[in-house]
Amino acid sequence: MQTRAVILRAAAEVFDEFGFSGASISKIMKRAGVTQGGMYFHFGSKEELAYSVMVSQGEGLDFPKGEDGLQRLIDITLYLAVELRRNPLLRAGVRLAVEQGEFGLRDDVAYQAWVLEFRQQLRFARARGELLPGLDDEDFAWVLVSSFTGAQLFSQVSSERRDLPQRVVSLWRYLLPAVAVPEIRDSLRFDLPDAGAELGVDEGVQGVEVP
């Protein structure tokens, strides 16, 4: 299991750097420091390895603590925005989900996992009276995952995701009036994880209140 984890980490780094087409088993073996036998004992092909990285993208994440609900959902999305700057498994998994056609897949399992994660927080928000009547939790979770995916792809092209936290804040500013009751909107905040400053993220995002 330890060898498998080492290979998966090395594969994530290589896929993140080169994409599926530019990656090779030899590059991954060299990065992982394993033999060909060790590689193929765990993964039968580059396609199998790419799929494993794609569906493992959320592993090892340490989501912000706090009371479940809308504020924690916002915190999680900002955490992910920062993690996409520094976490190769998450970055590679996201990249491969986009590039999966290159290895013969059309699989939404990675996206559905995030829909489920976000929907869980929306259910808590519903129980706390934070959501507007008539909001469909599953539908909005799908909208949020789709919007976040588009924002991070645009940010990757335009700034290598340096501005992604700011883009996520902008996204929420437009979404929240259609989602949250007015009473809760006044108390919601956008605080970056501590790693945001380390990565050079604009400190102007810290402590932003929802208008």
C-alpha atoms as a PDB file:
ATOM      1  CA  MET A   1       0.000   0.000   0.000  1.00  0.00           C
ATOM      2  CA  GLN A   2       2.881   2.359   0.732  1.00  0.00           C
ATOM      3  CA  THR A   3       4.396   1.686  -2.695  1.00  0.00           C
ATOM      4  CA  ARG A   4       1.026   2.262  -4.336  1.00  0.00           C
ATOM      5  CA  ALA A   5       0.671   5.596  -2.542  1.00  0.00           C
ATOM      6  CA  VAL A   6       4.159   6.645  -3.672  1.00  0.00           C
ATOM      7  CA  ILE A   7       3.334   5.755  -7.280  1.00  0.00           C
ATOM      8  CA  LEU A   8       0.012   7.600  -7.118  1.00  0.00           C
ATOM      9  CA  ARG A   9       1.708  10.723  -5.751  1.00  0.00           C
ATOM     10  CA  ALA A  10       4.423  10.594  -8.420  1.00  0.00           C
ATOM     11  CA  ALA A  11       1.831  10.042 -11.143  1.00  0.00           C
ATOM     12  CA  ALA A  12      -0.158  13.028  -9.904  1.00  0.00           C
ATOM     13  CA  GLU A  13       2.936  15.236 -10.106  1.00  0.00           C
ATOM     14  CA  VAL A  14       3.747  14.038 -13.632  1.00  0.00           C
ATOM     15  CA  PHE A  15       0.170  14.295 -14.918  1.00  0.00           C
ATOM     16  CA  ASP A  16      -0.134  17.743 -13.356  1.00  0.00           C
ATOM     17  CA  GLU A  17       3.053  18.884 -15.058  1.00  0.00           C
ATOM     18  CA  PHE A  18       2.698  17.228 -18.468  1.00  0.00           C
ATOM     19  CA  GLY A  19      -0.967  16.289 -18.843  1.00  0.00           C
ATOM     20  CA  PHE A  20      -2.086  12.830 -19.915  1.00  0.00           C
ATOM     21  CA  SER A  21      -0.532  12.966 -23.393  1.00  0.00           C
ATOM     22  CA  GLY A  22       2.822  14.271 -22.184  1.00  0.00           C
ATOM     23  CA  ALA A  23       3.118  11.876 -19.251  1.00  0.00           C
ATOM     24  CA  SER A  24       4.700   8.454 -19.607  1.00  0.00           C
ATOM     25  CA  ILE A  25       5.085   5.377 -17.456  1.00  0.00           C
ATOM     26  CA  SER A  26       8.865   5.828 -17.553  1.00  0.00           C
ATOM     27  CA  LYS A  27       8.590   9.382 -16.212  1.00  0.00           C
ATOM     28  CA  ILE A  28       6.283   8.221 -13.439  1.00  0.00           C
ATOM     29  CA  MET A  29       8.548   5.281 -12.562  1.00  0.00           C
ATOM     30  CA  LYS A  30      11.547   7.602 -12.356  1.00  0.00           C
ATOM     31  CA  ARG A  31       9.673  10.114 -10.190  1.00  0.00           C
ATOM     32  CA  ALA A  32       8.406   7.334  -7.895  1.00  0.00           C
ATOM     33  CA  GLY A  33      11.718   5.476  -7.767  1.00  0.00           C
ATOM     34  CA  VAL A  34      10.142   2.104  -8.527  1.00  0.00           C
ATOM     35  CA  THR A  35      10.915  -0.692 -10.952  1.00  0.00           C
ATOM     36  CA  GLN A  36       8.766  -1.673 -13.900  1.00  0.00           C
ATOM     37  CA  GLY A  37       7.634  -4.737 -11.986  1.00  0.00           C
ATOM     38  CA  GLY A  38       6.650  -2.618  -9.003  1.00  0.00           C
ATOM     39  CA  MET A  39       4.712  -0.267 -11.254  1.00  0.00           C
ATOM     40  CA  TYR A  40       2.737  -2.926 -13.102  1.00  0.00           C
ATOM     41  CA  PHE A  41       2.010  -4.864  -9.934  1.00  0.00           C
ATOM     42  CA  HIS A  42      -0.196  -1.961  -8.866  1.00  0.00           C
ATOM     43  CA  PHE A  43      -1.288  -0.390 -12.166  1.00  0.00           C
ATOM     44  CA  GLY A  44      -1.700  -2.222 -15.445  1.00  0.00           C
ATOM     45  CA  SER A  45      -1.499   0.807 -17.742  1.00  0.00           C
ATOM     46  CA  LYS A  46      -1.129   4.570 -17.923  1.00  0.00           C
ATOM     47  CA  GLU A  47      -4.890   4.783 -18.448  1.00  0.00           C
ATOM     48  CA  GLU A  48      -5.580   2.867 -15.249  1.00  0.00           C
ATOM     49  CA  LEU A  49      -3.151   5.069 -13.362  1.00  0.00           C
ATOM     50  CA  ALA A  50      -4.729   8.237 -14.746  1.00  0.00           C
ATOM     51  CA  TYR A  51      -8.187   7.061 -13.711  1.00  0.00           C
ATOM     52  CA  SER A  52      -6.927   6.300 -10.193  1.00  0.00           C
ATOM     53  CA  VAL A  53      -5.470   9.794  -9.886  1.00  0.00           C
ATOM     54  CA  MET A  54      -8.668  11.351 -11.217  1.00  0.00           C
ATOM     55  CA  VAL A  55     -10.978   9.615  -8.746  1.00  0.00           C
ATOM     56  CA  SER A  56      -8.539  10.092  -5.829  1.00  0.00           C
ATOM     57  CA  GLN A  57      -8.311  13.860  -6.214  1.00  0.00           C
ATOM     58  CA  GLY A  58     -10.144  14.526  -2.950  1.00  0.00           C
ATOM     59  CA  GLU A  59      -8.070  12.167  -0.805  1.00  0.00           C
ATOM     60  CA  GLY A  60      -6.027  13.640   2.015  1.00  0.00           C
ATOM     61  CA  LEU A  61      -7.817  16.979   2.036  1.00  0.00           C
ATOM     62  CA  ASP A  62      -8.240  18.567   5.459  1.00  0.00           C
ATOM     63  CA  PHE A  63     -11.402  20.620   5.130  1.00  0.00           C
ATOM     64  CA  PRO A  64     -11.862  23.657   7.385  1.00  0.00           C
ATOM     65  CA  LYS A  65     -13.443  22.871  10.714  1.00  0.00           C
ATOM     66  CA  GLY A  66     -16.599  24.553  11.909  1.00  0.00           C
ATOM     67  CA  GLU A  67     -20.330  24.119  12.159  1.00  0.00           C
ATOM     68  CA  ASP A  68     -21.833  22.496   9.094  1.00  0.00           C
ATOM     69  CA  GLY A  69     -23.910  24.769   6.910  1.00  0.00           C
ATOM     70  CA  LEU A  70     -23.569  27.575   4.400  1.00  0.00           C
ATOM     71  CA  GLN A  71     -20.560  29.259   6.009  1.00  0.00           C
ATOM     72  CA  ARG A  72     -18.652  25.977   6.059  1.00  0.00           C
ATOM     73  CA  LEU A  73     -19.543  25.378   2.413  1.00  0.00           C
ATOM     74  CA  ILE A  74     -18.062  28.764   1.543  1.00  0.00           C
ATOM     75  CA  ASP A  75     -14.984  27.926   3.624  1.00  0.00           C
ATOM     76  CA  ILE A  76     -14.561  24.618   1.795  1.00  0.00           C
ATOM     77  CA  THR A  77     -14.694  26.260  -1.636  1.00  0.00           C
ATOM     78  CA  LEU A  78     -12.070  28.821  -0.617  1.00  0.00           C
ATOM     79  CA  TYR A  79      -9.937  26.052   0.852  1.00  0.00           C
ATOM     80  CA  LEU A  80     -10.129  24.188  -2.453  1.00  0.00           C
ATOM     81  CA  ALA A  81      -9.192  27.371  -4.323  1.00  0.00           C
ATOM     82  CA  VAL A  82      -5.995  27.577  -2.264  1.00  0.00           C
ATOM     83  CA  GLU A  83      -5.292  23.827  -2.407  1.00  0.00           C
ATOM     84  CA  LEU A  84      -5.404  23.960  -6.210  1.00  0.00           C
ATOM     85  CA  ARG A  85      -2.285  26.122  -5.979  1.00  0.00           C
ATOM     86  CA  ARG A  86      -0.236  23.584  -4.022  1.00  0.00           C
ATOM     87  CA  ASN A  87      -1.783  20.099  -3.995  1.00  0.00           C
ATOM     88  CA  PRO A  88      -0.581  18.010  -6.973  1.00  0.00           C
ATOM     89  CA  LEU A  89      -3.089  15.186  -6.453  1.00  0.00           C
ATOM     90  CA  LEU A  90      -6.016  17.601  -6.485  1.00  0.00           C
ATOM     91  CA  ARG A  91      -4.625  19.567  -9.428  1.00  0.00           C
ATOM     92  CA  ALA A  92      -3.855  16.454 -11.465  1.00  0.00           C
ATOM     93  CA  GLY A  93      -7.220  14.903 -10.673  1.00  0.00           C
ATOM     94  CA  VAL A  94      -8.997  18.040 -11.848  1.00  0.00           C
ATOM     95  CA  ARG A  95      -6.856  18.230 -14.992  1.00  0.00           C
ATOM     96  CA  LEU A  96      -7.450  14.579 -15.849  1.00  0.00           C
ATOM     97  CA  ALA A  97     -11.193  14.948 -15.337  1.00  0.00           C
ATOM     98  CA  VAL A  98     -11.068  17.534 -18.122  1.00  0.00           C
ATOM     99  CA  GLU A  99      -8.650  15.545 -20.313  1.00  0.00           C
ATOM    100  CA  GLN A 100     -10.244  12.125 -19.768  1.00  0.00           C
ATOM    101  CA  GLY A 101     -11.350  11.887 -23.388  1.00  0.00           C
ATOM    102  CA  GLU A 102      -7.680  11.437 -24.247  1.00  0.00           C
ATOM    103  CA  PHE A 103      -7.670   8.117 -22.404  1.00  0.00           C
ATOM    104  CA  GLY A 104     -11.043   6.946 -23.650  1.00  0.00           C
ATOM    105  CA  LEU A 105     -13.310   7.922 -20.757  1.00  0.00           C
ATOM    106  CA  ARG A 106     -16.457   9.909 -20.224  1.00  0.00           C
ATOM    107  CA  ASP A 107     -16.898   9.499 -16.498  1.00  0.00           C
ATOM    108  CA  ASP A 108     -18.453  12.045 -14.140  1.00  0.00           C
ATOM    109  CA  VAL A 109     -17.620  10.200 -10.900  1.00  0.00           C
ATOM    110  CA  ALA A 110     -15.159  12.871  -9.748  1.00  0.00           C
ATOM    111  CA  TYR A 111     -17.683  15.655 -10.345  1.00  0.00           C
ATOM    112  CA  GLN A 112     -20.464  13.700  -8.658  1.00  0.00           C
ATOM    113  CA  ALA A 113     -18.268  13.265  -5.576  1.00  0.00           C
ATOM    114  CA  TRP A 114     -18.034  17.044  -5.217  1.00  0.00           C
ATOM    115  CA  VAL A 115     -21.768  17.428  -5.819  1.00  0.00           C
ATOM    116  CA  LEU A 116     -22.338  15.024  -2.930  1.00  0.00           C
ATOM    117  CA  GLU A 117     -19.841  16.884  -0.703  1.00  0.00           C
ATOM    118  CA  PHE A 118     -21.439  20.263  -1.366  1.00  0.00           C
ATOM    119  CA  ARG A 119     -24.960  18.916  -1.099  1.00  0.00           C
ATOM    120  CA  GLN A 120     -24.214  17.584   2.374  1.00  0.00           C
ATOM    121  CA  GLN A 121     -23.412  21.103   3.588  1.00  0.00           C
ATOM    122  CA  LEU A 122     -26.536  22.441   1.874  1.00  0.00           C
ATOM    123  CA  ARG A 123     -28.656  19.925   3.754  1.00  0.00           C
ATOM    124  CA  PHE A 124     -27.247  21.202   7.033  1.00  0.00           C
ATOM    125  CA  ALA A 125     -27.866  24.755   5.844  1.00  0.00           C
ATOM    126  CA  ARG A 126     -31.453  23.816   5.077  1.00  0.00           C
ATOM    127  CA  ALA A 127     -31.918  22.373   8.571  1.00  0.00           C
ATOM    128  CA  ARG A 128     -30.500  25.604  10.057  1.00  0.00           C
ATOM    129  CA  GLY A 129     -32.943  27.769   8.096  1.00  0.00           C
ATOM    130  CA  GLU A 130     -30.188  29.389   6.025  1.00  0.00           C
ATOM    131  CA  LEU A 131     -31.577  28.654   2.558  1.00  0.00           C
ATOM    132  CA  LEU A 132     -34.398  30.312   0.675  1.00  0.00           C
ATOM    133  CA  PRO A 133     -37.635  28.310   0.383  1.00  0.00           C
ATOM    134  CA  GLY A 134     -37.917  26.295  -2.784  1.00  0.00           C
ATOM    135  CA  LEU A 135     -34.158  25.921  -3.346  1.00  0.00           C
ATOM    136  CA  ASP A 136     -33.318  22.463  -4.714  1.00  0.00           C
ATOM    137  CA  ASP A 137     -30.235  21.322  -2.792  1.00  0.00           C
ATOM    138  CA  GLU A 138     -29.069  18.814  -5.385  1.00  0.00           C
ATOM    139  CA  ASP A 139     -29.625  21.188  -8.279  1.00  0.00           C
ATOM    140  CA  PHE A 140     -27.714  24.006  -6.626  1.00  0.00           C
ATOM    141  CA  ALA A 141     -24.860  21.650  -5.658  1.00  0.00           C
ATOM    142  CA  TRP A 142     -24.599  20.756  -9.360  1.00  0.00           C
ATOM    143  CA  VAL A 143     -24.621  24.453 -10.309  1.00  0.00           C
ATOM    144  CA  LEU A 144     -21.925  25.218  -7.732  1.00  0.00           C
ATOM    145  CA  VAL A 145     -19.635  22.395  -8.882  1.00  0.00           C
ATOM    146  CA  SER A 146     -20.113  23.445 -12.510  1.00  0.00           C
ATOM    147  CA  SER A 147     -19.429  27.095 -11.715  1.00  0.00           C
ATOM    148  CA  PHE A 148     -16.374  26.321  -9.589  1.00  0.00           C
ATOM    149  CA  THR A 149     -15.011  24.041 -12.323  1.00  0.00           C
ATOM    150  CA  GLY A 150     -15.385  26.754 -14.924  1.00  0.00           C
ATOM    151  CA  ALA A 151     -13.858  29.387 -12.648  1.00  0.00           C
ATOM    152  CA  GLN A 152     -10.788  27.311 -11.886  1.00  0.00           C
ATOM    153  CA  LEU A 153     -10.239  26.456 -15.565  1.00  0.00           C
ATOM    154  CA  PHE A 154     -10.462  30.125 -16.555  1.00  0.00           C
ATOM    155  CA  SER A 155      -8.201  31.093 -13.654  1.00  0.00           C
ATOM    156  CA  GLN A 156      -5.666  28.416 -14.618  1.00  0.00           C
ATOM    157  CA  VAL A 157      -5.390  29.833 -18.126  1.00  0.00           C
ATOM    158  CA  SER A 158      -5.348  33.494 -17.125  1.00  0.00           C
ATOM    159  CA  SER A 159      -3.242  33.505 -13.947  1.00  0.00           C
ATOM    160  CA  GLU A 160      -2.157  29.927 -13.119  1.00  0.00           C
ATOM    161  CA  ARG A 161      -4.907  30.043 -10.474  1.00  0.00           C
ATOM    162  CA  ARG A 162      -3.333  32.935  -8.536  1.00  0.00           C
ATOM    163  CA  ASP A 163      -6.625  34.812  -8.682  1.00  0.00           C
ATOM    164  CA  LEU A 164      -8.847  31.796  -8.063  1.00  0.00           C
ATOM    165  CA  PRO A 165      -9.821  32.736  -4.476  1.00  0.00           C
ATOM    166  CA  GLN A 166     -10.945  36.156  -5.704  1.00  0.00           C
ATOM    167  CA  ARG A 167     -12.924  34.484  -8.499  1.00  0.00           C
ATOM    168  CA  VAL A 168     -14.623  32.190  -5.996  1.00  0.00           C
ATOM    169  CA  VAL A 169     -15.589  35.197  -3.884  1.00  0.00           C
ATOM    170  CA  SER A 170     -17.092  36.868  -6.958  1.00  0.00           C
ATOM    171  CA  LEU A 171     -18.968  33.686  -7.741  1.00  0.00           C
ATOM    172  CA  TRP A 172     -20.524  33.582  -4.289  1.00  0.00           C
ATOM    173  CA  ARG A 173     -21.479  37.249  -4.403  1.00  0.00           C
ATOM    174  CA  TYR A 174     -23.711  36.549  -7.379  1.00  0.00           C
ATOM    175  CA  LEU A 175     -25.014  33.192  -6.180  1.00  0.00           C
ATOM    176  CA  LEU A 176     -25.834  33.986  -2.565  1.00  0.00           C
ATOM    177  CA  PRO A 177     -28.788  36.349  -3.178  1.00  0.00           C
ATOM    178  CA  ALA A 178     -30.511  33.463  -4.962  1.00  0.00           C
ATOM    179  CA  VAL A 179     -29.608  30.941  -2.265  1.00  0.00           C
ATOM    180  CA  ALA A 180     -29.389  32.375   1.251  1.00  0.00           C
ATOM    181  CA  VAL A 181     -32.011  34.109   3.359  1.00  0.00           C
ATOM    182  CA  PRO A 182     -31.201  37.819   3.882  1.00  0.00           C
ATOM    183  CA  GLU A 183     -30.665  37.353   7.621  1.00  0.00           C
ATOM    184  CA  ILE A 184     -27.763  34.917   7.142  1.00  0.00           C
ATOM    185  CA  ARG A 185     -26.163  36.796   4.238  1.00  0.00           C
ATOM    186  CA  ASP A 186     -25.182  39.641   6.556  1.00  0.00           C
ATOM    187  CA  SER A 187     -23.111  37.294   8.728  1.00  0.00           C
ATOM    188  CA  LEU A 188     -21.270  35.320   6.025  1.00  0.00           C
ATOM    189  CA  ARG A 189     -17.577  35.966   5.515  1.00  0.00           C
ATOM    190  CA  PHE A 190     -14.811  34.939   3.124  1.00  0.00           C
ATOM    191  CA  ASP A 191     -11.649  34.065   5.047  1.00  0.00           C
ATOM    192  CA  LEU A 192      -8.776  32.354   3.279  1.00  0.00           C
ATOM    193  CA  PRO A 193      -6.926  29.445   4.885  1.00  0.00           C
ATOM    194  CA  ASP A 194      -3.548  30.359   6.355  1.00  0.00           C
ATOM    195  CA  ALA A 195      -1.822  28.936   3.296  1.00  0.00           C
ATOM    196  CA  GLY A 196      -3.355  31.700   1.186  1.00  0.00           C
ATOM    197  CA  ALA A 197      -0.819  34.278   2.347  1.00  0.00           C
ATOM    198  CA  GLU A 198       2.042  31.813   1.898  1.00  0.00           C
ATOM    199  CA  LEU A 199       1.047  31.331  -1.729  1.00  0.00           C
ATOM    200  CA  GLY A 200       0.838  35.036  -2.412  1.00  0.00           C
ATOM    201  CA  VAL A 201      -2.942  35.185  -2.669  1.00  0.00           C
ATOM    202  CA  ASP A 202      -4.346  38.698  -2.544  1.00  0.00           C
ATOM    203  CA  GLU A 203      -4.936  39.490   1.122  1.00  0.00           C
ATOM    204  CA  GLY A 204      -7.891  41.639   0.105  1.00  0.00           C
ATOM    205  CA  VAL A 205      -9.995  38.499   0.143  1.00  0.00           C
ATOM    206  CA  GLN A 206      -9.497  38.055   3.870  1.00  0.00           C
ATOM    207  CA  GLY A 207     -12.520  38.988   5.909  1.00  0.00           C
ATOM    208  CA  VAL A 208     -14.682  40.074   2.979  1.00  0.00           C
ATOM    209  CA  GLU A 209     -18.322  40.321   3.939  1.00  0.00           C
ATOM    210  CA  VAL A 210     -21.146  39.499   1.595  1.00  0.00           C
ATOM    211  CA  PRO A 211     -22.988  42.667   0.517  1.00  0.00           C
END
